[in-house]
All heavy atoms as atom14 arrays in JSON, in Angstrom:
{
  "sequence": "PEVTTYAVPSKGKVPTVSAVSADPYATVTITQ",
  "atom14_mask": [
    [1, 1, 1, 1, 1, 1, 1, 0, 0, 0, 0, 0, 0, 0],
    [1, 1, 1, 1, 1, 1, 1, 1, 1, 0, 0, 0, 0, 0],
    [1, 1, 1, 1, 1, 1, 1, 0, 0, 0, 0, 0, 0, 0],
    [1, 1, 1, 1, 1, 1, 1, 0, 0, 0, 0, 0, 0, 0],
    [1, 1, 1, 1, 1, 1, 1, 0, 0, 0, 0, 0, 0, 0],
    [1, 1, 1, 1, 1, 1, 1, 1, 1, 1, 1, 1, 0, 0],
    [1, 1, 1, 1, 1, 0, 0, 0, 0, 0, 0, 0, 0, 0],
    [1, 1, 1, 1, 1, 1, 1, 0, 0, 0, 0, 0, 0, 0],
    [1, 1, 1, 1, 1, 1, 1, 0, 0, 0, 0, 0, 0, 0],
    [1, 1, 1, 1, 1, 1, 0, 0, 0, 0, 0, 0, 0, 0],
    [1, 1, 1, 1, 1, 1, 1, 1, 1, 0, 0, 0, 0, 0],
    [1, 1, 1, 1, 0, 0, 0, 0, 0, 0, 0, 0, 0, 0],
    [1, 1, 1, 1, 1, 1, 1, 1, 1, 0, 0, 0, 0, 0],
    [1, 1, 1, 1, 1, 1, 1, 0, 0, 0, 0, 0, 0, 0],
    [1, 1, 1, 1, 1, 1, 1, 0, 0, 0, 0, 0, 0, 0],
    [1, 1, 1, 1, 1, 1, 1, 0, 0, 0, 0, 0, 0, 0],
    [1, 1, 1, 1, 1, 1, 1, 0, 0, 0, 0, 0, 0, 0],
    [1, 1, 1, 1, 1, 1, 0, 0, 0, 0, 0, 0, 0, 0],
    [1, 1, 1, 1, 1, 0, 0, 0, 0, 0, 0, 0, 0, 0],
    [1, 1, 1, 1, 1, 1, 1, 0, 0, 0, 0, 0, 0, 0],
    [1, 1, 1, 1, 1, 1, 0, 0, 0, 0, 0, 0, 0, 0],
    [1, 1, 1, 1, 1, 0, 0, 0, 0, 0, 0, 0, 0, 0],
    [1, 1, 1, 1, 1, 1, 1, 1, 0, 0, 0, 0, 0, 0],
    [1, 1, 1, 1, 1, 1, 1, 0, 0, 0, 0, 0, 0, 0],
    [1, 1, 1, 1, 1, 1, 1, 1, 1, 1, 1, 1, 0, 0],
    [1, 1, 1, 1, 1, 0, 0, 0, 0, 0, 0, 0, 0, 0],
    [1, 1, 1, 1, 1, 1, 1, 0, 0, 0, 0, 0, 0, 0],
    [1, 1, 1, 1, 1, 1, 1, 0, 0, 0, 0, 0, 0, 0],
    [1, 1, 1, 1, 1, 1, 1, 0, 0, 0, 0, 0, 0, 0],
    [1, 1, 1, 1, 1, 1, 1, 1, 0, 0, 0, 0, 0, 0],
    [1, 1, 1, 1, 1, 1, 1, 0, 0, 0, 0, 0, 0, 0],
    [1, 1, 1, 1, 1, 1, 1, 1, 1, 0, 0, 0, 0, 0]
  ],
  "atom14_positions": [
    [[0.8, -1.23, 0.0], [0.0, 0.0, 0.0], [0.84, 1.28, 0.0], [0.38, 2.32, -0.46], [-0.81, -0.08, 1.29], [-0.82, -1.52, 1.66], [0.46, -2.1, 1.13], [0.0, 0.0, 0.0], [0.0, 0.0, 0.0], [0.0, 0.0, 0.0], [0.0, 0.0, 0.0], [0.0, 0.0, 0.0], [0.0, 0.0, 0.0], [0.0, 0.0, 0.0]],
    [[2.07, 1.19, 0.48], [2.93, 2.37, 0.54], [3.6, 2.7, -0.8], [4.06, 3.8, -1.01], [4.03, 2.19, 1.59], [3.51, 2.13, 3.02], [2.97, 0.76, 3.39], [3.42, -0.26, 2.83], [2.06, 0.69, 4.23], [0.0, 0.0, 0.0], [0.0, 0.0, 0.0], [0.0, 0.0, 0.0], [0.0, 0.0, 0.0], [0.0, 0.0, 0.0]],
    [[3.67, 1.72, -1.71], [4.29, 1.92, -3.02], [3.18, 2.35, -3.98], [2.17, 1.68, -4.11], [4.97, 0.63, -3.52], [5.56, 0.84, -4.91], [6.03, 0.17, -2.53], [0.0, 0.0, 0.0], [0.0, 0.0, 0.0], [0.0, 0.0, 0.0], [0.0, 0.0, 0.0], [0.0, 0.0, 0.0], [0.0, 0.0, 0.0], [0.0, 0.0, 0.0]],
    [[3.39, 3.48, -4.67], [2.32, 4.03, -5.5], [2.56, 3.94, -7.0], [1.69, 4.31, -7.78], [2.06, 5.5, -5.12], [3.27, 6.24, -5.3], [1.57, 5.63, -3.69], [0.0, 0.0, 0.0], [0.0, 0.0, 0.0], [0.0, 0.0, 0.0], [0.0, 0.0, 0.0], [0.0, 0.0, 0.0], [0.0, 0.0, 0.0], [0.0, 0.0, 0.0]],
    [[3.73, 3.45, -7.42], [4.02, 3.31, -8.85], [4.56, 1.92, -9.14], [5.47, 1.44, -8.45], [5.05, 4.37, -9.3], [4.54, 5.67, -8.98], [5.29, 4.29, -10.8], [0.0, 0.0, 0.0], [0.0, 0.0, 0.0], [0.0, 0.0, 0.0], [0.0, 0.0, 0.0], [0.0, 0.0, 0.0], [0.0, 0.0, 0.0], [0.0, 0.0, 0.0]],
    [[4.0, 1.29, -10.17], [4.41, -0.06, -10.55], [4.63, -0.13, -12.05], [3.91, 0.52, -12.82], [3.33, -1.08, -10.17], [3.13, -1.2, -8.68], [2.21, -0.4, -8.02], [3.88, -2.09, -7.93], [2.03, -0.49, -6.65], [3.71, -2.19, -6.56], [2.78, -1.38, -5.93], [2.62, -1.47, -4.58], [0.0, 0.0, 0.0], [0.0, 0.0, 0.0]],
    [[5.62, -0.92, -12.48], [5.85, -1.22, -13.89], [5.55, -2.7, -14.07], [6.14, -3.54, -13.39], [7.28, -0.9, -14.29], [0.0, 0.0, 0.0], [0.0, 0.0, 0.0], [0.0, 0.0, 0.0], [0.0, 0.0, 0.0], [0.0, 0.0, 0.0], [0.0, 0.0, 0.0], [0.0, 0.0, 0.0], [0.0, 0.0, 0.0], [0.0, 0.0, 0.0]],
    [[4.63, -3.01, -14.98], [4.19, -4.39, -15.17], [4.4, -4.79, -16.62], [3.88, -4.13, -17.52], [2.69, -4.53, -14.79], [2.22, -5.95, -15.0], [2.46, -4.09, -13.35], [0.0, 0.0, 0.0], [0.0, 0.0, 0.0], [0.0, 0.0, 0.0], [0.0, 0.0, 0.0], [0.0, 0.0, 0.0], [0.0, 0.0, 0.0], [0.0, 0.0, 0.0]],
    [[5.16, -5.87, -16.86], [5.33, -6.34, -18.24], [3.99, -6.79, -18.83], [3.19, -7.43, -18.14], [6.29, -7.52, -18.12], [6.83, -7.47, -16.73], [5.89, -6.68, -15.91], [0.0, 0.0, 0.0], [0.0, 0.0, 0.0], [0.0, 0.0, 0.0], [0.0, 0.0, 0.0], [0.0, 0.0, 0.0], [0.0, 0.0, 0.0], [0.0, 0.0, 0.0]],
    [[3.76, -6.44, -20.09], [2.51, -6.82, -20.74], [2.78, -7.11, -22.2], [3.5, -6.37, -22.87], [1.51, -5.68, -20.61], [0.34, -5.97, -21.33], [0.0, 0.0, 0.0], [0.0, 0.0, 0.0], [0.0, 0.0, 0.0], [0.0, 0.0, 0.0], [0.0, 0.0, 0.0], [0.0, 0.0, 0.0], [0.0, 0.0, 0.0], [0.0, 0.0, 0.0]],
    [[2.2, -8.19, -22.68], [2.34, -8.57, -24.1], [0.95, -8.72, -24.69], [0.04, -9.21, -24.04], [3.08, -9.9, -24.23], [4.49, -9.88, -23.71], [5.1, -11.27, -23.83], [6.45, -11.31, -23.15], [7.0, -12.65, -23.09], [0.0, 0.0, 0.0], [0.0, 0.0, 0.0], [0.0, 0.0, 0.0], [0.0, 0.0, 0.0], [0.0, 0.0, 0.0]],
    [[0.8, -8.3, -25.92], [-0.47, -8.5, -26.62], [-1.56, -7.57, -26.15], [-1.37, -6.36, -26.02], [0.0, 0.0, 0.0], [0.0, 0.0, 0.0], [0.0, 0.0, 0.0], [0.0, 0.0, 0.0], [0.0, 0.0, 0.0], [0.0, 0.0, 0.0], [0.0, 0.0, 0.0], [0.0, 0.0, 0.0], [0.0, 0.0, 0.0], [0.0, 0.0, 0.0]],
    [[-2.73, -8.15, -25.88], [-3.91, -7.38, -25.5], [-3.67, -6.59, -24.21], [-3.06, -7.08, -23.27], [-5.08, -8.35, -25.31], [-6.38, -7.68, -25.04], [-7.49, -8.72, -24.88], [-8.77, -8.01, -24.46], [-9.84, -8.96, -24.19], [0.0, 0.0, 0.0], [0.0, 0.0, 0.0], [0.0, 0.0, 0.0], [0.0, 0.0, 0.0], [0.0, 0.0, 0.0]],
    [[-4.17, -5.36, -24.18], [-4.01, -4.51, -23.0], [-4.92, -5.06, -21.89], [-6.13, -5.18, -22.07], [-4.4, -3.05, -23.32], [-4.3, -2.19, -22.08], [-3.52, -2.5, -24.43], [0.0, 0.0, 0.0], [0.0, 0.0, 0.0], [0.0, 0.0, 0.0], [0.0, 0.0, 0.0], [0.0, 0.0, 0.0], [0.0, 0.0, 0.0], [0.0, 0.0, 0.0]],
    [[-4.33, -5.4, -20.73], [-5.12, -5.99, -19.64], [-5.94, -4.94, -18.88], [-5.62, -3.75, -18.89], [-4.07, -6.61, -18.73], [-2.86, -5.75, -18.94], [-2.91, -5.34, -20.38], [0.0, 0.0, 0.0], [0.0, 0.0, 0.0], [0.0, 0.0, 0.0], [0.0, 0.0, 0.0], [0.0, 0.0, 0.0], [0.0, 0.0, 0.0], [0.0, 0.0, 0.0]],
    [[-6.96, -5.4, -18.23], [-7.77, -4.55, -17.36], [-7.11, -4.46, -16.0], [-6.61, -5.46, -15.48], [-9.18, -5.14, -17.21], [-9.79, -5.21, -18.49], [-10.05, -4.28, -16.3], [0.0, 0.0, 0.0], [0.0, 0.0, 0.0], [0.0, 0.0, 0.0], [0.0, 0.0, 0.0], [0.0, 0.0, 0.0], [0.0, 0.0, 0.0], [0.0, 0.0, 0.0]],
    [[-7.1, -3.28, -15.42], [-6.53, -3.07, -14.08], [-7.69, -2.96, -13.1], [-8.68, -2.28, -13.36], [-5.65, -1.81, -14.05], [-5.19, -1.5, -12.64], [-4.46, -1.97, -14.99], [0.0, 0.0, 0.0], [0.0, 0.0, 0.0], [0.0, 0.0, 0.0], [0.0, 0.0, 0.0], [0.0, 0.0, 0.0], [0.0, 0.0, 0.0], [0.0, 0.0, 0.0]],
    [[-7.57, -3.65, -11.97], [-8.57, -3.57, -10.91], [-7.89, -3.22, -9.6], [-6.67, -3.38, -9.46], [-9.32, -4.91, -10.78], [-8.42, -5.95, -10.47], [0.0, 0.0, 0.0], [0.0, 0.0, 0.0], [0.0, 0.0, 0.0], [0.0, 0.0, 0.0], [0.0, 0.0, 0.0], [0.0, 0.0, 0.0], [0.0, 0.0, 0.0], [0.0, 0.0, 0.0]],
    [[-8.66, -2.75, -8.64], [-8.09, -2.38, -7.34], [-9.15, -2.52, -6.26], [-10.34, -2.35, -6.52], [-7.58, -0.94, -7.39], [0.0, 0.0, 0.0], [0.0, 0.0, 0.0], [0.0, 0.0, 0.0], [0.0, 0.0, 0.0], [0.0, 0.0, 0.0], [0.0, 0.0, 0.0], [0.0, 0.0, 0.0], [0.0, 0.0, 0.0], [0.0, 0.0, 0.0]],
    [[-8.68, -2.82, -5.04], [-9.56, -2.95, -3.89], [-9.03, -2.02, -2.79], [-7.84, -2.09, -2.45], [-9.61, -4.4, -3.37], [-10.47, -4.51, -2.13], [-10.12, -5.34, -4.46], [0.0, 0.0, 0.0], [0.0, 0.0, 0.0], [0.0, 0.0, 0.0], [0.0, 0.0, 0.0], [0.0, 0.0, 0.0], [0.0, 0.0, 0.0], [0.0, 0.0, 0.0]],
    [[-9.9, -1.19, -2.26], [-9.47, -0.27, -1.2], [-9.37, -0.99, 0.13], [-10.07, -1.98, 0.38], [-10.45, 0.9, -1.09], [-11.74, 0.42, -0.76], [0.0, 0.0, 0.0], [0.0, 0.0, 0.0], [0.0, 0.0, 0.0], [0.0, 0.0, 0.0], [0.0, 0.0, 0.0], [0.0, 0.0, 0.0], [0.0, 0.0, 0.0], [0.0, 0.0, 0.0]],
    [[-8.49, -0.5, 1.0], [-8.34, -1.06, 2.34], [-9.61, -0.83, 3.16], [-10.02, -1.68, 3.93], [-7.12, -0.45, 3.03], [0.0, 0.0, 0.0], [0.0, 0.0, 0.0], [0.0, 0.0, 0.0], [0.0, 0.0, 0.0], [0.0, 0.0, 0.0], [0.0, 0.0, 0.0], [0.0, 0.0, 0.0], [0.0, 0.0, 0.0], [0.0, 0.0, 0.0]],
    [[-10.23, 0.33, 2.98], [-11.5, 0.64, 3.63], [-12.61, 0.36, 2.63], [-12.65, 0.95, 1.55], [-11.53, 2.12, 4.04], [-12.86, 2.56, 4.62], [-13.78, 1.72, 4.76], [-12.99, 3.74, 4.95], [0.0, 0.0, 0.0], [0.0, 0.0, 0.0], [0.0, 0.0, 0.0], [0.0, 0.0, 0.0], [0.0, 0.0, 0.0], [0.0, 0.0, 0.0]],
    [[-13.54, -0.54, 2.96], [-14.58, -0.88, 1.99], [-15.5, 0.29, 1.63], [-16.22, 0.21, 0.64], [-15.36, -2.0, 2.68], [-15.05, -1.87, 4.12], [-13.69, -1.27, 4.21], [0.0, 0.0, 0.0], [0.0, 0.0, 0.0], [0.0, 0.0, 0.0], [0.0, 0.0, 0.0], [0.0, 0.0, 0.0], [0.0, 0.0, 0.0], [0.0, 0.0, 0.0]],
    [[-15.46, 1.37, 2.39], [-16.31, 2.52, 2.11], [-15.58, 3.63, 1.36], [-16.18, 4.67, 1.05], [-16.92, 3.06, 3.41], [-17.75, 2.02, 4.1], [-17.29, 1.41, 5.26], [-18.97, 1.6, 3.58], [-18.04, 0.43, 5.89], [-19.71, 0.62, 4.2], [-19.25, 0.05, 5.35], [-19.99, -0.94, 5.97], [0.0, 0.0, 0.0], [0.0, 0.0, 0.0]],
    [[-14.31, 3.45, 1.08], [-13.56, 4.42, 0.28], [-14.0, 4.29, -1.18], [-14.52, 3.26, -1.6], [-12.06, 4.17, 0.42], [0.0, 0.0, 0.0], [0.0, 0.0, 0.0], [0.0, 0.0, 0.0], [0.0, 0.0, 0.0], [0.0, 0.0, 0.0], [0.0, 0.0, 0.0], [0.0, 0.0, 0.0], [0.0, 0.0, 0.0], [0.0, 0.0, 0.0]],
    [[-13.77, 5.34, -1.95], [-14.13, 5.34, -3.36], [-12.88, 5.11, -4.21], [-11.86, 5.77, -4.0], [-14.75, 6.69, -3.75], [-15.88, 6.93, -2.91], [-15.2, 6.71, -5.2], [0.0, 0.0, 0.0], [0.0, 0.0, 0.0], [0.0, 0.0, 0.0], [0.0, 0.0, 0.0], [0.0, 0.0, 0.0], [0.0, 0.0, 0.0], [0.0, 0.0, 0.0]],
    [[-12.97, 4.17, -5.14], [-11.85, 3.85, -6.03], [-12.25, 4.19, -7.46], [-13.29, 3.74, -7.94], [-11.46, 2.36, -5.93], [-10.34, 2.04, -6.91], [-11.06, 2.0, -4.51], [0.0, 0.0, 0.0], [0.0, 0.0, 0.0], [0.0, 0.0, 0.0], [0.0, 0.0, 0.0], [0.0, 0.0, 0.0], [0.0, 0.0, 0.0], [0.0, 0.0, 0.0]],
    [[-11.43, 5.0, -8.14], [-11.65, 5.35, -9.54], [-10.43, 4.9, -10.33], [-9.3, 5.18, -9.94], [-11.82, 6.88, -9.7], [-12.87, 7.31, -8.83], [-12.16, 7.25, -11.12], [0.0, 0.0, 0.0], [0.0, 0.0, 0.0], [0.0, 0.0, 0.0], [0.0, 0.0, 0.0], [0.0, 0.0, 0.0], [0.0, 0.0, 0.0], [0.0, 0.0, 0.0]],
    [[-10.67, 4.18, -11.44], [-9.57, 3.63, -12.23], [-9.68, 4.12, -13.67], [-10.71, 3.97, -14.31], [-9.58, 2.09, -12.22], [-9.53, 1.57, -10.79], [-8.43, 1.53, -13.05], [-9.74, 0.07, -10.67], [0.0, 0.0, 0.0], [0.0, 0.0, 0.0], [0.0, 0.0, 0.0], [0.0, 0.0, 0.0], [0.0, 0.0, 0.0], [0.0, 0.0, 0.0]],
    [[-8.58, 4.71, -14.16], [-8.46, 5.02, -15.57], [-7.72, 3.84, -16.2], [-6.56, 3.58, -15.85], [-7.66, 6.33, -15.79], [-8.32, 7.38, -15.09], [-7.55, 6.66, -17.26], [0.0, 0.0, 0.0], [0.0, 0.0, 0.0], [0.0, 0.0, 0.0], [0.0, 0.0, 0.0], [0.0, 0.0, 0.0], [0.0, 0.0, 0.0], [0.0, 0.0, 0.0]],
    [[-8.39, 3.14, -17.08], [-7.82, 1.92, -17.66], [-6.76, 2.27, -18.71], [-6.86, 3.3, -19.38], [-8.93, 1.08, -18.31], [-9.93, 0.5, -17.32], [-9.29, -0.5, -16.37], [-8.32, -1.19, -16.68], [-9.86, -0.58, -15.16], [0.0, 0.0, 0.0], [0.0, 0.0, 0.0], [0.0, 0.0, 0.0], [0.0, 0.0, 0.0], [0.0, 0.0, 0.0]]
  ]
}
């Protein structure tokens, strides 16, 4: 949770990114 930037290898089709908040009542917005 403390690291905010990640580099992920990807080949072919662009994958969908998902995320789960630590607090279930927090709001999560994802730009794919």
